[in-house]
Amino acid sequence: MKSTKIEREKAVVAKMIELYCRKNLKVAEPTEEYRELLDYAHRRLDNCKFGEAKPACKRCPIHCYKPTMREKIRAVMRWAGPRMLIYDPIAAIRHLLNR
């Protein structure tokens, strides 16, 4: 079964948060703060008005993240994004191609 764009984005966000927590914060599992960020990101993706036609969040005309959550996810993506090429190159390349 083919996964949807939203499902793939959810998986990539989850991998980035997990990688950020494990390698940058040096914790085995995401802390409560980052589990909340992941839940928030998943809710935003579930409720995206563009659905499967959604653009990359940074190019979206509607910024649906609260400013504090937006800064947190930016920090995670800024750190984890380049490292995804090492830890999950297929997901990283797919994510880059679908932006």
PDB file of N, CA and C in Angstrom:
ATOM      1  N   MET A   1       0.836  -1.179   0.000  1.00  0.00           N
ATOM      2  CA  MET A   1       0.000   0.000   0.000  1.00  0.00           C
ATOM      3  C   MET A   1       0.881   1.243   0.000  1.00  0.00           C
ATOM      4  N   LYS A   2       0.582   2.180  -0.859  1.00  0.00           N
ATOM      5  CA  LYS A   2       1.359   3.399  -0.989  1.00  0.00           C
ATOM      6  C   LYS A   2       1.002   4.374   0.132  1.00  0.00           C
ATOM      7  N   SER A   3       2.026   4.916   0.776  1.00  0.00           N
ATOM      8  CA  SER A   3       1.759   5.876   1.852  1.00  0.00           C
ATOM      9  C   SER A   3       1.499   7.255   1.254  1.00  0.00           C
ATOM     10  N   THR A   4       0.764   8.061   1.982  1.00  0.00           N
ATOM     11  CA  THR A   4       0.441   9.397   1.510  1.00  0.00           C
ATOM     12  C   THR A   4       1.575  10.360   1.849  1.00  0.00           C
ATOM     13  N   LYS A   5       1.556  11.506   1.212  1.00  0.00           N
ATOM     14  CA  LYS A   5       2.564  12.526   1.473  1.00  0.00           C
ATOM     15  C   LYS A   5       2.544  12.929   2.949  1.00  0.00           C
ATOM     16  N   ILE A   6       1.354  13.075   3.511  1.00  0.00           N
ATOM     17  CA  ILE A   6       1.216  13.462   4.919  1.00  0.00           C
ATOM     18  C   ILE A   6       1.831  12.389   5.820  1.00  0.00           C
ATOM     19  N   GLU A   7       1.567  11.125   5.545  1.00  0.00           N
ATOM     20  CA  GLU A   7       2.139  10.043   6.348  1.00  0.00           C
ATOM     21  C   GLU A   7       3.665  10.036   6.261  1.00  0.00           C
ATOM     22  N   ARG A   8       4.202  10.268   5.063  1.00  0.00           N
ATOM     23  CA  ARG A   8       5.651  10.316   4.897  1.00  0.00           C
ATOM     24  C   ARG A   8       6.245  11.495   5.668  1.00  0.00           C
ATOM     25  N   GLU A   9       5.579  12.636   5.624  1.00  0.00           N
ATOM     26  CA  GLU A   9       6.072  13.801   6.361  1.00  0.00           C
ATOM     27  C   GLU A   9       6.042  13.551   7.862  1.00  0.00           C
ATOM     28  N   LYS A  10       4.990  12.900   8.337  1.00  0.00           N
ATOM     29  CA  LYS A  10       4.908  12.557   9.757  1.00  0.00           C
ATOM     30  C   LYS A  10       6.084  11.660  10.150  1.00  0.00           C
ATOM     31  N   ALA A  11       6.387  10.682   9.317  1.00  0.00           N
ATOM     32  CA  ALA A  11       7.490   9.759   9.608  1.00  0.00           C
ATOM     33  C   ALA A  11       8.828  10.497   9.628  1.00  0.00           C
ATOM     34  N   VAL A  12       9.043  11.406   8.701  1.00  0.00           N
ATOM     35  CA  VAL A  12      10.295  12.151   8.644  1.00  0.00           C
ATOM     36  C   VAL A  12      10.431  13.055   9.872  1.00  0.00           C
ATOM     37  N   VAL A  13       9.366  13.731  10.250  1.00  0.00           N
ATOM     38  CA  VAL A  13       9.406  14.592  11.436  1.00  0.00           C
ATOM     39  C   VAL A  13       9.720  13.753  12.673  1.00  0.00           C
ATOM     40  N   ALA A  14       9.099  12.603  12.780  1.00  0.00           N
ATOM     41  CA  ALA A  14       9.355  11.717  13.923  1.00  0.00           C
ATOM     42  C   ALA A  14      10.821  11.283  13.950  1.00  0.00           C
ATOM     43  N   LYS A  15      11.379  10.927  12.783  1.00  0.00           N
ATOM     44  CA  LYS A  15      12.778  10.509  12.717  1.00  0.00           C
ATOM     45  C   LYS A  15      13.708  11.654  13.093  1.00  0.00           C
ATOM     46  N   MET A  16      13.387  12.854  12.625  1.00  0.00           N
ATOM     47  CA  MET A  16      14.231  14.013  12.932  1.00  0.00           C
ATOM     48  C   MET A  16      14.217  14.329  14.428  1.00  0.00           C
ATOM     49  N   ILE A  17      13.051  14.282  15.044  1.00  0.00           N
ATOM     50  CA  ILE A  17      12.956  14.563  16.474  1.00  0.00           C
ATOM     51  C   ILE A  17      13.682  13.484  17.266  1.00  0.00           C
ATOM     52  N   GLU A  18      13.516  12.237  16.871  1.00  0.00           N
ATOM     53  CA  GLU A  18      14.186  11.134  17.566  1.00  0.00           C
ATOM     54  C   GLU A  18      15.700  11.271  17.434  1.00  0.00           C
ATOM     55  N   LEU A  19      16.183  11.584  16.245  1.00  0.00           N
ATOM     56  CA  LEU A  19      17.614  11.761  16.010  1.00  0.00           C
ATOM     57  C   LEU A  19      18.157  12.942  16.815  1.00  0.00           C
ATOM     58  N   TYR A  20      17.430  14.038  16.816  1.00  0.00           N
ATOM     59  CA  TYR A  20      17.829  15.230  17.566  1.00  0.00           C
ATOM     60  C   TYR A  20      17.970  14.908  19.053  1.00  0.00           C
ATOM     61  N   CYS A  21      17.001  14.219  19.600  1.00  0.00           N
ATOM     62  CA  CYS A  21      17.031  13.887  21.025  1.00  0.00           C
ATOM     63  C   CYS A  21      18.151  12.902  21.347  1.00  0.00           C
ATOM     64  N   ARG A  22      18.291  11.886  20.503  1.00  0.00           N
ATOM     65  CA  ARG A  22      19.283  10.836  20.764  1.00  0.00           C
ATOM     66  C   ARG A  22      20.716  11.340  20.612  1.00  0.00           C
ATOM     67  N   LYS A  23      20.979  12.095  19.552  1.00  0.00           N
ATOM     68  CA  LYS A  23      22.358  12.486  19.250  1.00  0.00           C
ATOM     69  C   LYS A  23      22.733  13.871  19.776  1.00  0.00           C
ATOM     70  N   ASN A  24      21.801  14.818  19.776  1.00  0.00           N
ATOM     71  CA  ASN A  24      22.125  16.172  20.209  1.00  0.00           C
ATOM     72  C   ASN A  24      21.881  16.356  21.707  1.00  0.00           C
ATOM     73  N   LEU A  25      20.750  15.855  22.179  1.00  0.00           N
ATOM     74  CA  LEU A  25      20.426  15.992  23.602  1.00  0.00           C
ATOM     75  C   LEU A  25      20.971  14.842  24.439  1.00  0.00           C
ATOM     76  N   LYS A  26      21.420  13.770  23.775  1.00  0.00           N
ATOM     77  CA  LYS A  26      22.003  12.591  24.441  1.00  0.00           C
ATOM     78  C   LYS A  26      21.019  11.896  25.386  1.00  0.00           C
ATOM     79  N   VAL A  27      19.767  11.770  24.941  1.00  0.00           N
ATOM     80  CA  VAL A  27      18.768  11.012  25.701  1.00  0.00           C
ATOM     81  C   VAL A  27      18.285   9.866  24.825  1.00  0.00           C
ATOM     82  N   ALA A  28      17.965   8.748  25.430  1.00  0.00           N
ATOM     83  CA  ALA A  28      17.590   7.544  24.682  1.00  0.00           C
ATOM     84  C   ALA A  28      16.274   7.716  23.930  1.00  0.00           C
ATOM     85  N   GLU A  29      15.340   8.408  24.539  1.00  0.00           N
ATOM     86  CA  GLU A  29      14.030   8.625  23.923  1.00  0.00           C
ATOM     87  C   GLU A  29      13.682  10.093  24.030  1.00  0.00           C
ATOM     88  N   PRO A  30      12.824  10.588  23.120  1.00  0.00           N
ATOM     89  CA  PRO A  30      12.423  11.997  23.202  1.00  0.00           C
ATOM     90  C   PRO A  30      11.814  12.330  24.568  1.00  0.00           C
ATOM     91  N   THR A  31      12.198  13.471  25.079  1.00  0.00           N
ATOM     92  CA  THR A  31      11.657  13.940  26.353  1.00  0.00           C
ATOM     93  C   THR A  31      10.201  14.355  26.153  1.00  0.00           C
ATOM     94  N   GLU A  32       9.537  14.645  27.251  1.00  0.00           N
ATOM     95  CA  GLU A  32       8.136  15.076  27.192  1.00  0.00           C
ATOM     96  C   GLU A  32       7.981  16.296  26.273  1.00  0.00           C
ATOM     97  N   GLU A  33       8.897  17.235  26.370  1.00  0.00           N
ATOM     98  CA  GLU A  33       8.851  18.448  25.541  1.00  0.00           C
ATOM     99  C   GLU A  33       8.865  18.097  24.047  1.00  0.00           C
ATOM    100  N   TYR A  34       9.680  17.145  23.669  1.00  0.00           N
ATOM    101  CA  TYR A  34       9.793  16.784  22.259  1.00  0.00           C
ATOM    102  C   TYR A  34       8.702  15.818  21.815  1.00  0.00           C
ATOM    103  N   ARG A  35       8.157  15.041  22.734  1.00  0.00           N
ATOM    104  CA  ARG A  35       6.960  14.240  22.399  1.00  0.00           C
ATOM    105  C   ARG A  35       5.781  15.175  22.127  1.00  0.00           C
ATOM    106  N   GLU A  36       5.683  16.254  22.915  1.00  0.00           N
ATOM    107  CA  GLU A  36       4.629  17.249  22.674  1.00  0.00           C
ATOM    108  C   GLU A  36       4.829  17.927  21.318  1.00  0.00           C
ATOM    109  N   LEU A  37       6.077  18.236  20.980  1.00  0.00           N
ATOM    110  CA  LEU A  37       6.368  18.841  19.685  1.00  0.00           C
ATOM    111  C   LEU A  37       5.969  17.890  18.556  1.00  0.00           C
ATOM    112  N   LEU A  38       6.276  16.611  18.706  1.00  0.00           N
ATOM    113  CA  LEU A  38       5.907  15.628  17.691  1.00  0.00           C
ATOM    114  C   LEU A  38       4.390  15.527  17.553  1.00  0.00           C
ATOM    115  N   ASP A  39       3.690  15.440  18.674  1.00  0.00           N
ATOM    116  CA  ASP A  39       2.219  15.390  18.633  1.00  0.00           C
ATOM    117  C   ASP A  39       1.658  16.632  17.960  1.00  0.00           C
ATOM    118  N   TYR A  40       2.219  17.775  18.293  1.00  0.00           N
ATOM    119  CA  TYR A  40       1.774  19.042  17.703  1.00  0.00           C
ATOM    120  C   TYR A  40       1.995  19.033  16.185  1.00  0.00           C
ATOM    121  N   ALA A  41       3.178  18.597  15.761  1.00  0.00           N
ATOM    122  CA  ALA A  41       3.494  18.542  14.327  1.00  0.00           C
ATOM    123  C   ALA A  41       2.543  17.595  13.599  1.00  0.00           C
ATOM    124  N   HIS A  42       2.251  16.458  14.198  1.00  0.00           N
ATOM    125  CA  HIS A  42       1.325  15.498  13.586  1.00  0.00           C
ATOM    126  C   HIS A  42      -0.084  16.086  13.480  1.00  0.00           C
ATOM    127  N   ARG A  43      -0.527  16.798  14.518  1.00  0.00           N
ATOM    128  CA  ARG A  43      -1.856  17.439  14.450  1.00  0.00           C
ATOM    129  C   ARG A  43      -1.894  18.497  13.359  1.00  0.00           C
ATOM    130  N   ARG A  44      -0.830  19.263  13.230  1.00  0.00           N
ATOM    131  CA  ARG A  44      -0.768  20.288  12.181  1.00  0.00           C
ATOM    132  C   ARG A  44      -0.839  19.632  10.803  1.00  0.00           C
ATOM    133  N   LEU A  45      -0.123  18.527  10.624  1.00  0.00           N
ATOM    134  CA  LEU A  45      -0.160  17.823   9.342  1.00  0.00           C
ATOM    135  C   LEU A  45      -1.540  17.223   9.077  1.00  0.00           C
ATOM    136  N   ASP A  46      -2.158  16.648  10.107  1.00  0.00           N
ATOM    137  CA  ASP A  46      -3.501  16.079   9.944  1.00  0.00           C
ATOM    138  C   ASP A  46      -4.525  17.129   9.543  1.00  0.00           C
ATOM    139  N   ASN A  47      -4.343  18.340  10.019  1.00  0.00           N
ATOM    140  CA  ASN A  47      -5.314  19.399   9.766  1.00  0.00           C
ATOM    141  C   ASN A  47      -4.895  20.378   8.677  1.00  0.00           C
ATOM    142  N   CYS A  48      -3.866  20.049   7.921  1.00  0.00           N
ATOM    143  CA  CYS A  48      -3.399  20.947   6.868  1.00  0.00           C
ATOM    144  C   CYS A  48      -4.497  21.132   5.831  1.00  0.00           C
ATOM    145  N   LYS A  49      -4.836  22.386   5.564  1.00  0.00           N
ATOM    146  CA  LYS A  49      -5.924  22.659   4.623  1.00  0.00           C
ATOM    147  C   LYS A  49      -5.561  22.291   3.184  1.00  0.00           C
ATOM    148  N   PHE A  50      -4.273  22.132   2.900  1.00  0.00           N
ATOM    149  CA  PHE A  50      -3.841  21.779   1.552  1.00  0.00           C
ATOM    150  C   PHE A  50      -3.832  20.271   1.312  1.00  0.00           C
ATOM    151  N   GLY A  51      -3.902  19.495   2.384  1.00  0.00           N
ATOM    152  CA  GLY A  51      -3.926  18.046   2.259  1.00  0.00           C
ATOM    153  C   GLY A  51      -2.712  17.514   1.526  1.00  0.00           C
ATOM    154  N   GLU A  52      -2.948  16.616   0.598  1.00  0.00           N
ATOM    155  CA  GLU A  52      -1.858  15.974  -0.142  1.00  0.00           C
ATOM    156  C   GLU A  52      -1.131  16.942  -1.083  1.00  0.00           C
ATOM    157  N   ALA A  53      -1.710  18.089  -1.339  1.00  0.00           N
ATOM    158  CA  ALA A  53      -1.074  19.085  -2.209  1.00  0.00           C
ATOM    159  C   ALA A  53      -0.278  20.113  -1.410  1.00  0.00           C
ATOM    160  N   LYS A  54      -0.042  19.826  -0.133  1.00  0.00           N
ATOM    161  CA  LYS A  54       0.609  20.812   0.723  1.00  0.00           C
ATOM    162  C   LYS A  54       2.034  21.088   0.264  1.00  0.00           C
ATOM    163  N   PRO A  55       2.418  22.364   0.344  1.00  0.00           N
ATOM    164  CA  PRO A  55       3.812  22.714   0.052  1.00  0.00           C
ATOM    165  C   PRO A  55       4.673  22.443   1.289  1.00  0.00           C
ATOM    166  N   ALA A  56       5.960  22.612   1.141  1.00  0.00           N
ATOM    167  CA  ALA A  56       6.839  22.517   2.311  1.00  0.00           C
ATOM    168  C   ALA A  56       6.408  23.610   3.284  1.00  0.00           C
ATOM    169  N   CYS A  57       6.444  23.314   4.554  1.00  0.00           N
ATOM    170  CA  CYS A  57       5.947  24.269   5.556  1.00  0.00           C
ATOM    171  C   CYS A  57       6.631  25.630   5.445  1.00  0.00           C
ATOM    172  N   LYS A  58       7.912  25.639   5.158  1.00  0.00           N
ATOM    173  CA  LYS A  58       8.599  26.928   5.095  1.00  0.00           C
ATOM    174  C   LYS A  58       8.172  27.736   3.859  1.00  0.00           C
ATOM    175  N   ARG A  59       7.570  27.106   2.864  1.00  0.00           N
ATOM    176  CA  ARG A  59       7.092  27.812   1.676  1.00  0.00           C
ATOM    177  C   ARG A  59       5.572  28.037   1.691  1.00  0.00           C
ATOM    178  N   CYS A  60       4.928  27.588   2.743  1.00  0.00           N
ATOM    179  CA  CYS A  60       3.474  27.658   2.830  1.00  0.00           C
ATOM    180  C   CYS A  60       3.005  29.096   3.094  1.00  0.00           C
ATOM    181  N   PRO A  61       1.938  29.516   2.419  1.00  0.00           N
ATOM    182  CA  PRO A  61       1.414  30.870   2.658  1.00  0.00           C
ATOM    183  C   PRO A  61       0.721  31.003   4.012  1.00  0.00           C
ATOM    184  N   ILE A  62       0.344  29.872   4.624  1.00  0.00           N
ATOM    185  CA  ILE A  62      -0.318  29.878   5.923  1.00  0.00           C
ATOM    186  C   ILE A  62       0.617  29.225   6.931  1.00  0.00           C
ATOM    187  N   HIS A  63       1.063  29.998   7.908  1.00  0.00           N
ATOM    188  CA  HIS A  63       1.932  29.428   8.938  1.00  0.00           C
ATOM    189  C   HIS A  63       1.067  29.034  10.119  1.00  0.00           C
ATOM    190  N   CYS A  64       0.767  27.745  10.211  1.00  0.00           N
ATOM    191  CA  CYS A  64      -0.188  27.252  11.201  1.00  0.00           C
ATOM    192  C   CYS A  64       0.451  26.903  12.537  1.00  0.00           C
ATOM    193  N   TYR A  65       1.779  26.915  12.627  1.00  0.00           N
ATOM    194  CA  TYR A  65       2.455  26.636  13.890  1.00  0.00           C
ATOM    195  C   TYR A  65       2.445  27.874  14.777  1.00  0.00           C
ATOM    196  N   LYS A  66       2.277  27.662  16.085  1.00  0.00           N
ATOM    197  CA  LYS A  66       2.466  28.751  17.045  1.00  0.00           C
ATOM    198  C   LYS A  66       3.935  29.147  16.972  1.00  0.00           C
ATOM    199  N   PRO A  67       4.256  30.422  17.190  1.00  0.00           N
ATOM    200  CA  PRO A  67       5.659  30.855  17.074  1.00  0.00           C
ATOM    201  C   PRO A  67       6.650  30.038  17.905  1.00  0.00           C
ATOM    202  N   THR A  68       6.291  29.673  19.131  1.00  0.00           N
ATOM    203  CA  THR A  68       7.238  28.903  19.960  1.00  0.00           C
ATOM    204  C   THR A  68       7.479  27.511  19.380  1.00  0.00           C
ATOM    205  N   MET A  69       6.411  26.871  18.912  1.00  0.00           N
ATOM    206  CA  MET A  69       6.559  25.536  18.320  1.00  0.00           C
ATOM    207  C   MET A  69       7.304  25.620  16.988  1.00  0.00           C
ATOM    208  N   ARG A  70       7.058  26.685  16.262  1.00  0.00           N
ATOM    209  CA  ARG A  70       7.744  26.865  14.982  1.00  0.00           C
ATOM    210  C   ARG A  70       9.257  26.984  15.200  1.00  0.00           C
ATOM    211  N   GLU A  71       9.662  27.721  16.213  1.00  0.00           N
ATOM    212  CA  GLU A  71      11.090  27.851  16.503  1.00  0.00           C
ATOM    213  C   GLU A  71      11.698  26.520  16.939  1.00  0.00           C
ATOM    214  N   LYS A  72      10.952  25.751  17.724  1.00  0.00           N
ATOM    215  CA  LYS A  72      11.456  24.437  18.161  1.00  0.00           C
ATOM    216  C   LYS A  72      11.646  23.499  16.978  1.00  0.00           C
ATOM    217  N   ILE A  73      10.646  23.433  16.105  1.00  0.00           N
ATOM    218  CA  ILE A  73      10.752  22.508  14.970  1.00  0.00           C
ATOM    219  C   ILE A  73      11.842  22.969  14.008  1.00  0.00           C
ATOM    220  N   ARG A  74      12.005  24.270  13.876  1.00  0.00           N
ATOM    221  CA  ARG A  74      13.089  24.792  13.035  1.00  0.00           C
ATOM    222  C   ARG A  74      14.450  24.363  13.580  1.00  0.00           C
ATOM    223  N   ALA A  75      14.622  24.474  14.899  1.00  0.00           N
ATOM    224  CA  ALA A  75      15.896  24.083  15.512  1.00  0.00           C
ATOM    225  C   ALA A  75      16.164  22.591  15.293  1.00  0.00           C
ATOM    226  N   VAL A  76      15.140  21.780  15.458  1.00  0.00           N
ATOM    227  CA  VAL A  76      15.282  20.335  15.246  1.00  0.00           C
ATOM    228  C   VAL A  76      15.654  20.064  13.794  1.00  0.00           C
ATOM    229  N   MET A  77      14.924  20.663  12.869  1.00  0.00           N
ATOM    230  CA  MET A  77      15.181  20.405  11.442  1.00  0.00           C
ATOM    231  C   MET A  77      16.535  20.940  10.998  1.00  0.00           C
ATOM    232  N   ARG A  78      16.914  22.082  11.535  1.00  0.00           N
ATOM    233  CA  ARG A  78      18.214  22.658  11.184  1.00  0.00           C
ATOM    234  C   ARG A  78      19.341  21.726  11.617  1.00  0.00           C
ATOM    235  N   TRP A  79      19.194  21.118  12.790  1.00  0.00           N
ATOM    236  CA  TRP A  79      20.236  20.231  13.292  1.00  0.00           C
ATOM    237  C   TRP A  79      20.140  18.855  12.638  1.00  0.00           C
ATOM    238  N   ALA A  80      18.934  18.282  12.612  1.00  0.00           N
ATOM    239  CA  ALA A  80      18.768  16.896  12.176  1.00  0.00           C
ATOM    240  C   ALA A  80      18.750  16.727  10.655  1.00  0.00           C
ATOM    241  N   GLY A  81      18.302  17.730   9.939  1.00  0.00           N
ATOM    242  CA  GLY A  81      18.172  17.624   8.485  1.00  0.00           C
ATOM    243  C   GLY A  81      19.428  17.117   7.786  1.00  0.00           C
ATOM    244  N   PRO A  82      20.556  17.810   7.959  1.00  0.00           N
ATOM    245  CA  PRO A  82      21.784  17.336   7.296  1.00  0.00           C
ATOM    246  C   PRO A  82      22.227  15.951   7.771  1.00  0.00           C
ATOM    247  N   ARG A  83      21.979  15.634   9.019  1.00  0.00           N
ATOM    248  CA  ARG A  83      22.401  14.350   9.572  1.00  0.00           C
ATOM    249  C   ARG A  83      21.514  13.201   9.106  1.00  0.00           C
ATOM    250  N   MET A  84      20.322  13.513   8.636  1.00  0.00           N
ATOM    251  CA  MET A  84      19.430  12.475   8.116  1.00  0.00           C
ATOM    252  C   MET A  84      20.077  11.772   6.924  1.00  0.00           C
ATOM    253  N   LEU A  85      20.935  12.475   6.195  1.00  0.00           N
ATOM    254  CA  LEU A  85      21.628  11.852   5.065  1.00  0.00           C
ATOM    255  C   LEU A  85      22.512  10.693   5.523  1.00  0.00           C
ATOM    256  N   ILE A  86      22.991  10.752   6.749  1.00  0.00           N
ATOM    257  CA  ILE A  86      23.824   9.680   7.295  1.00  0.00           C
ATOM    258  C   ILE A  86      22.959   8.579   7.904  1.00  0.00           C
ATOM    259  N   TYR A  87      21.955   8.958   8.696  1.00  0.00           N
ATOM    260  CA  TYR A  87      21.188   7.998   9.469  1.00  0.00           C
ATOM    261  C   TYR A  87      20.003   7.384   8.723  1.00  0.00           C
ATOM    262  N   ASP A  88      19.450   8.104   7.759  1.00  0.00           N
ATOM    263  CA  ASP A  88      18.349   7.564   6.949  1.00  0.00           C
ATOM    264  C   ASP A  88      18.372   8.258   5.587  1.00  0.00           C
ATOM    265  N   PRO A  89      19.346   7.900   4.748  1.00  0.00           N
ATOM    266  CA  PRO A  89      19.525   8.612   3.484  1.00  0.00           C
ATOM    267  C   PRO A  89      18.317   8.539   2.549  1.00  0.00           C
ATOM    268  N   ILE A  90      17.616   7.433   2.527  1.00  0.00           N
ATOM    269  CA  ILE A  90      16.464   7.311   1.627  1.00  0.00           C
ATOM    270  C   ILE A  90      15.373   8.290   2.037  1.00  0.00           C
ATOM    271  N   ALA A  91      15.053   8.345   3.314  1.00  0.00           N
ATOM    272  CA  ALA A  91      14.026   9.287   3.791  1.00  0.00           C
ATOM    273  C   ALA A  91      14.470  10.724   3.557  1.00  0.00           C
ATOM    274  N   ALA A  92      15.743  11.011   3.774  1.00  0.00           N
ATOM    275  CA  ALA A  92      16.252  12.371   3.586  1.00  0.00           C
ATOM    276  C   ALA A  92      16.139  12.803   2.126  1.00  0.00           C
ATOM    277  N   ILE A  93      16.519  11.938   1.221  1.00  0.00           N
ATOM    278  CA  ILE A  93      16.468  12.282  -0.209  1.00  0.00           C
ATOM    279  C   ILE A  93      15.020  12.436  -0.668  1.00  0.00           C
ATOM    280  N   ARG A  94      14.143  11.535  -0.233  1.00  0.00           N
ATOM    281  CA  ARG A  94      12.716  11.666  -0.578  1.00  0.00           C
ATOM    282  C   ARG A  94      12.154  12.984  -0.063  1.00  0.00           C
ATOM    283  N   HIS A  95      12.529  13.329   1.164  1.00  0.00           N
ATOM    284  CA  HIS A  95      12.046  14.580   1.757  1.00  0.00           C
ATOM    285  C   HIS A  95      12.537  15.781   0.959  1.00  0.00           C
ATOM    286  N   LEU A  96      13.795  15.759   0.555  1.00  0.00           N
ATOM    287  CA  LEU A  96      14.335  16.856  -0.231  1.00  0.00           C
ATOM    288  C   LEU A  96      13.669  16.966  -1.611  1.00  0.00           C
ATOM    289  N   LEU A  97      13.368  15.845  -2.210  1.00  0.00           N
ATOM    290  CA  LEU A  97      12.746  15.852  -3.542  1.00  0.00           C
ATOM    291  C   LEU A  97      11.280  16.293  -3.507  1.00  0.00           C
ATOM    292  N   ASN A  98      10.603  16.079  -2.381  1.00  0.00           N
ATOM    293  CA  ASN A  98       9.177  16.402  -2.277  1.00  0.00           C
ATOM    294  C   ASN A  98       8.903  17.764  -1.676  1.00  0.00           C
ATOM    295  N   ARG A  99       9.908  18.589  -1.527  1.00  0.00           N
ATOM    296  CA  ARG A  99       9.714  19.912  -0.946  1.00  0.00           C
ATOM    297  C   ARG A  99       9.110  20.791  -1.947  1.00  0.00           C
TER     298      ARG A  99
END
